[in-house]
C-alpha atoms as a PDB file:
ATOM      1  CA  MET A   1      31.705 201.354 250.251  1.00  0.00           C
ATOM      2  CA  ASP A   2      31.016 197.687 250.822  1.00  0.00           C
ATOM      3  CA  TRP A   3      32.086 194.837 248.539  1.00  0.00           C
ATOM      4  CA  PRO A   4      28.778 194.450 246.635  1.00  0.00           C
ATOM      5  CA  GLY A   5      28.777 198.170 245.859  1.00  0.00           C
ATOM      6  CA  ALA A   6      32.407 198.084 244.756  1.00  0.00           C
ATOM      7  CA  PHE A   7      31.774 195.035 242.585  1.00  0.00           C
ATOM      8  CA  ALA A   8      28.742 196.669 240.949  1.00  0.00           C
ATOM      9  CA  LEU A   9      30.773 199.837 240.315  1.00  0.00           C
ATOM     10  CA  THR A  10      33.585 197.776 238.804  1.00  0.00           C
ATOM     11  CA  LEU A  11      31.184 196.027 236.435  1.00  0.00           C
ATOM     12  CA  ALA A  12      29.517 199.315 235.516  1.00  0.00           C
ATOM     13  CA  CYS A  13      32.905 200.758 234.584  1.00  0.00           C
ATOM     14  CA  GLU A  14      34.504 197.735 232.952  1.00  0.00           C
ATOM     15  CA  LEU A  15      31.701 196.132 230.932  1.00  0.00           C
ATOM     16  CA  PRO A  16      31.259 199.018 228.472  1.00  0.00           C
ATOM     17  CA  VAL A  17      35.027 199.239 227.990  1.00  0.00           C
ATOM     18  CA  VAL A  18      35.377 195.509 227.353  1.00  0.00           C
ATOM     19  CA  PHE A  19      32.463 195.585 224.897  1.00  0.00           C
ATOM     20  CA  ALA A  20      33.969 198.516 222.998  1.00  0.00           C
ATOM     21  CA  ALA A  21      37.482 197.064 222.970  1.00  0.00           C
ATOM     22  CA  THR A  22      36.420 193.626 221.736  1.00  0.00           C
ATOM     23  CA  ARG A  23      34.176 194.601 218.843  1.00  0.00           C
ATOM     24  CA  PRO A  24      32.946 192.815 216.765  1.00  0.00           C
ATOM     25  CA  LEU A  25      32.954 189.757 219.043  1.00  0.00           C
ATOM     26  CA  PRO A  26      29.506 188.386 219.998  1.00  0.00           C
ATOM     27  CA  ALA A  27      28.050 190.234 222.970  1.00  0.00           C
ATOM     28  CA  PRO A  28      26.940 187.181 225.018  1.00  0.00           C
ATOM     29  CA  GLY A  29      30.452 185.723 225.050  1.00  0.00           C
ATOM     30  CA  VAL A  30      32.016 189.073 225.896  1.00  0.00           C
ATOM     31  CA  LEU A  31      29.515 189.606 228.719  1.00  0.00           C
ATOM     32  CA  LEU A  32      30.231 186.194 230.232  1.00  0.00           C
ATOM     33  CA  ALA A  33      33.987 186.643 229.880  1.00  0.00           C
ATOM     34  CA  ALA A  34      33.987 190.089 231.480  1.00  0.00           C
ATOM     35  CA  ILE A  35      31.743 189.098 234.379  1.00  0.00           C
ATOM     36  CA  GLY A  36      33.709 185.883 234.867  1.00  0.00           C
ATOM     37  CA  ALA A  37      37.040 187.709 234.930  1.00  0.00           C
ATOM     38  CA  ASN A  38      35.758 190.078 237.596  1.00  0.00           C
ATOM     39  CA  CYS A  39      34.168 187.284 239.634  1.00  0.00           C
ATOM     40  CA  VAL A  40      37.593 185.664 239.810  1.00  0.00           C
ATOM     41  CA  THR A  41      39.740 188.736 240.491  1.00  0.00           C
ATOM     42  CA  HIS A  42      37.569 191.230 242.360  1.00  0.00           C
ATOM     43  CA  PRO A  43      36.932 189.356 245.624  1.00  0.00           C
ATOM     44  CA  LEU A  44      40.639 188.714 246.173  1.00  0.00           C
ATOM     45  CA  ALA A  45      41.627 192.235 245.142  1.00  0.00           C
ATOM     46  CA  TRP A  46      39.018 193.641 247.554  1.00  0.00           C
ATOM     47  CA  ARG A  47      40.237 191.529 250.476  1.00  0.00           C
ATOM     48  CA  LEU A  48      43.865 192.392 249.798  1.00  0.00           C
ATOM     49  CA  SER A  49      43.124 196.111 249.508  1.00  0.00           C
ATOM     50  CA  MET A  50      41.202 196.107 252.787  1.00  0.00           C
ATOM     51  CA  ALA A  51      44.232 194.575 254.510  1.00  0.00           C
ATOM     52  CA  LEU A  52      46.661 197.258 253.323  1.00  0.00           C
ATOM     53  CA  PRO A  53      47.991 199.601 255.989  1.00  0.00           C
ATOM     54  CA  PRO A  54      47.287 203.285 255.231  1.00  0.00           C
ATOM     55  CA  GLU A  55      50.975 204.162 254.925  1.00  0.00           C
ATOM     56  CA  ASN A  56      51.429 201.541 252.166  1.00  0.00           C
ATOM     57  CA  TYR A  57      48.051 201.824 250.492  1.00  0.00           C
ATOM     58  CA  LEU A  58      49.097 203.418 247.189  1.00  0.00           C
ATOM     59  CA  ALA A  59      51.994 201.052 246.576  1.00  0.00           C
ATOM     60  CA  GLY A  60      49.929 198.061 247.647  1.00  0.00           C
ATOM     61  CA  ALA A  61      46.967 199.084 245.498  1.00  0.00           C
ATOM     62  CA  ALA A  62      49.275 199.494 242.508  1.00  0.00           C
ATOM     63  CA  GLY A  63      50.583 195.970 243.069  1.00  0.00           C
ATOM     64  CA  ILE A  64      47.070 194.559 243.397  1.00  0.00           C
ATOM     65  CA  GLU A  65      45.922 196.335 240.228  1.00  0.00           C
ATOM     66  CA  THR A  66      48.952 195.000 238.354  1.00  0.00           C
ATOM     67  CA  GLY A  67      48.054 191.462 239.385  1.00  0.00           C
ATOM     68  CA  VAL A  68      44.418 191.975 238.379  1.00  0.00           C
ATOM     69  CA  PHE A  69      45.473 193.418 235.026  1.00  0.00           C
ATOM     70  CA  LEU A  70      47.684 190.400 234.288  1.00  0.00           C
ATOM     71  CA  ALA A  71      45.114 187.846 235.437  1.00  0.00           C
ATOM     72  CA  GLU A  72      42.316 189.419 233.433  1.00  0.00           C
ATOM     73  CA  ALA A  73      44.496 189.801 230.336  1.00  0.00           C
ATOM     74  CA  LEU A  74      45.185 186.071 230.445  1.00  0.00           C
ATOM     75  CA  TRP A  75      41.489 185.409 231.080  1.00  0.00           C
ATOM     76  CA  TYR A  76      40.450 187.455 228.035  1.00  0.00           C
ATOM     77  CA  ARG A  77      43.135 185.822 225.938  1.00  0.00           C
ATOM     78  CA  GLY A  78      41.810 182.367 226.784  1.00  0.00           C
ATOM     79  CA  TRP A  79      38.052 182.959 226.910  1.00  0.00           C
ATOM     80  CA  LEU A  80      37.786 185.369 224.004  1.00  0.00           C
ATOM     81  CA  ARG A  81      40.689 183.923 222.016  1.00  0.00           C
ATOM     82  CA  LEU A  82      42.336 187.324 221.709  1.00  0.00           C
ATOM     83  CA  GLY A  83      45.971 187.797 220.885  1.00  0.00           C
ATOM     84  CA  LEU A  84      48.098 188.614 223.903  1.00  0.00           C
ATOM     85  CA  GLY A  85      48.546 192.249 222.875  1.00  0.00           C
ATOM     86  CA  ARG A  86      44.850 192.866 222.390  1.00  0.00           C
ATOM     87  CA  ALA A  87      43.985 191.021 225.603  1.00  0.00           C
ATOM     88  CA  CYS A  88      46.433 193.254 227.499  1.00  0.00           C
ATOM     89  CA  ILE A  89      44.899 196.386 225.973  1.00  0.00           C
ATOM     90  CA  VAL A  90      41.369 195.252 226.873  1.00  0.00           C
ATOM     91  CA  SER A  91      42.412 194.472 230.436  1.00  0.00           C
ATOM     92  CA  LEU A  92      44.426 197.663 230.840  1.00  0.00           C
ATOM     93  CA  LEU A  93      41.640 199.911 229.586  1.00  0.00           C
ATOM     94  CA  ALA A  94      38.939 198.175 231.630  1.00  0.00           C
ATOM     95  CA  ASN A  95      40.951 198.128 234.839  1.00  0.00           C
ATOM     96  CA  ALA A  96      42.119 201.709 234.394  1.00  0.00           C
ATOM     97  CA  ALA A  97      38.486 202.819 234.042  1.00  0.00           C
ATOM     98  CA  SER A  98      37.379 201.074 237.224  1.00  0.00           C
ATOM     99  CA  ALA A  99      40.485 201.917 239.262  1.00  0.00           C
ATOM    100  CA  ILE A 100      40.366 205.608 238.378  1.00  0.00           C
ATOM    101  CA  THR A 101      36.631 205.784 239.088  1.00  0.00           C
ATOM    102  CA  GLY A 102      37.113 204.007 242.403  1.00  0.00           C
ATOM    103  CA  TRP A 103      39.935 206.311 243.455  1.00  0.00           C
ATOM    104  CA  LEU A 104      37.960 209.403 242.477  1.00  0.00           C
ATOM    105  CA  LEU A 105      35.017 208.228 244.591  1.00  0.00           C
ATOM    106  CA  TRP A 106      37.222 207.154 247.488  1.00  0.00           C
END
């Protein structure tokens, strides 16, 4: 899969989760926050994952996903004014959905 396909898959997985986990926040703000978070984190995560050697892929991918989770949690906290706990839950659920889907398709 190329980067545009992976990015589209990530958005398809994460947007519904972010919407559900941030109810009743206004949809336009949630949409912008979720797309913005992924525009910031996904390109770097993709490049880093492509550079991982096969023998270290799982450990490296886990480290990359941890960094993405933390960055996006902070993003949601700031942009959506969520408490830290809720922002972490939103980020964890969204990133788990896209990571699991990506690994299943890989």
